[in-house]
Structures are given as structure tokens and as C-alpha cells.
């Protein structure tokens, strides 16, 4: 099953240029994507990320798996031309 949601492209730290994907808690709850769910996310038809839903902290986000890293996610987002502040339609499916 594929779920549509919004991927919010943000920085890991304010002074850091590394990008990551934040998610809307209500969208995750509606789709029953819980903390620890492994996902494959296609963002804007330009990049594919494999990750894990993380709901700890202020906003949910897509964390790396044991075979990926924040650096891999950053490189994929940057390589696809995304920048801090982009809000992009994405599709997610359980991995």
C-alpha cells in the first residue's frame, strides 16, 4: 500500500547544512505509520530514501536504517536539488 504525505526538507542543526526529512504527525497517525516502521519514500519523483519512522522529539522524521546513514539521506536530497524549507509531495510504503 502506498501512502501520500508531505516531506518537509529541513536541516539536522541550524548551523549544519545536512538535510533530512521531517513528517507531519497527523499524516503518520492516519496512515498508521508508527515509530520504528521501516519505509521506502519517494520524494517528488526525484529521490528514493530507505529509512525508519522516528517519532521522538518535536517532529517525526525519517531516520537511517542500519545500511543507510544521515549522510546518505543528505546526499540523495541534495543531489536531487532539494534545499532547506522545501515541502514536497511524497509517497511512502512499508519496506
Protein backbone atom coordinates (compact mmCIF):
# COMPACT_ATOMS: atom_id res chain seq x y z
CA UNK A 1 0.00 0.00 0.00
CA UNK A 2 1.34 3.42 -0.98
CA UNK A 3 0.59 6.44 1.19
CA UNK A 4 0.81 10.08 0.08
CA UNK A 5 2.13 12.68 2.50
CA UNK A 6 4.28 15.79 2.68
CA UNK A 7 8.05 15.58 3.10
CA UNK A 8 9.41 18.66 4.87
CA UNK A 9 13.08 19.15 3.92
CA UNK A 10 14.94 20.54 6.93
CA UNK A 11 18.46 20.81 8.40
CA UNK A 12 19.73 18.49 11.13
CA UNK A 13 21.08 21.50 13.04
CA UNK A 14 20.63 25.21 12.49
CA UNK A 15 24.28 25.81 11.59
CA UNK A 16 24.58 22.49 9.76
CA UNK A 17 23.83 22.19 6.06
CA UNK A 18 22.89 18.50 6.26
CA UNK A 19 19.34 17.87 5.10
CA UNK A 20 16.81 15.38 6.38
CA UNK A 21 13.05 14.73 6.06
CA UNK A 22 10.52 15.71 8.70
CA UNK A 23 6.96 14.44 8.59
CA UNK A 24 3.55 15.50 9.84
CA UNK A 25 2.47 13.56 12.94
CA UNK A 26 -1.23 13.59 11.93
CA UNK A 27 -0.44 12.17 8.49
CA UNK A 28 1.62 9.38 10.06
CA UNK A 29 -1.10 8.53 12.57
CA UNK A 30 -3.75 8.49 9.83
CA UNK A 31 -1.60 6.09 7.80
CA UNK A 32 -0.74 4.03 10.91
CA UNK A 33 3.00 4.52 10.36
CA UNK A 34 4.37 4.08 13.87
CA UNK A 35 7.78 4.72 15.41
CA UNK A 36 10.21 2.11 14.10
CA UNK A 37 8.31 1.34 10.88
CA UNK A 38 10.72 0.70 8.01
CA UNK A 39 9.73 2.62 4.89
CA UNK A 40 10.72 3.42 1.34
CA UNK A 41 9.90 7.03 0.48
CA UNK A 42 9.80 8.55 -2.98
CA UNK A 43 10.10 12.31 -2.73
CA UNK A 44 8.80 14.42 -5.58
CA UNK A 45 9.55 11.65 -8.06
CA UNK A 46 13.23 12.61 -7.86
CA UNK A 47 14.70 10.72 -4.92
CA UNK A 48 14.16 7.40 -3.15
CA UNK A 49 15.05 7.06 0.54
CA UNK A 50 15.04 3.94 2.68
CA UNK A 51 14.55 4.71 6.32
CA UNK A 52 12.80 4.24 9.62
CA UNK A 53 9.98 6.39 11.00
CA UNK A 54 11.15 8.18 14.16
CA UNK A 55 8.59 9.94 16.32
CA UNK A 56 10.78 11.01 19.23
CA UNK A 57 11.40 14.74 19.58
CA UNK A 58 9.35 17.69 18.41
CA UNK A 59 8.59 16.41 14.91
CA UNK A 60 8.60 12.95 13.35
CA UNK A 61 11.34 12.29 10.82
CA UNK A 62 12.81 9.62 8.55
CA UNK A 63 15.89 8.18 10.21
CA UNK A 64 18.52 5.97 8.62
CA UNK A 65 18.48 2.18 8.74
CA UNK A 66 21.49 0.07 9.65
CA UNK A 67 22.54 0.10 5.96
CA UNK A 68 21.99 3.83 5.36
CA UNK A 69 23.01 6.97 7.23
CA UNK A 70 22.06 10.60 7.65
CA UNK A 71 24.89 11.39 5.23
CA UNK A 72 23.36 9.08 2.58
CA UNK A 73 19.95 10.75 3.01
CA UNK A 74 21.55 14.21 2.81
CA UNK A 75 23.47 13.31 -0.37
CA UNK A 76 20.33 11.94 -2.03
CA UNK A 77 18.26 15.03 -1.13
CA UNK A 78 21.00 17.47 -2.15
CA UNK A 79 21.69 15.54 -5.36
CA UNK A 80 18.01 15.80 -6.29
CA UNK A 81 18.19 19.58 -5.88
CA UNK A 82 16.24 19.91 -2.64
CA UNK A 83 17.07 22.71 -0.22
CA UNK A 84 16.12 23.65 3.32
CA UNK A 85 12.48 24.70 3.50
CA UNK A 86 11.17 22.66 0.57
CA UNK A 87 7.82 20.97 1.26
CA UNK A 88 7.42 18.17 -1.25
CA UNK A 89 4.69 15.65 -2.04
CA UNK A 90 5.97 12.16 -1.32
CA UNK A 91 4.76 8.59 -1.37
CA UNK A 92 5.64 6.07 1.31
CA UNK A 93 5.31 2.34 1.52
CA UNK A 94 6.36 -0.10 4.19
CA UNK A 95 9.69 -1.71 3.39
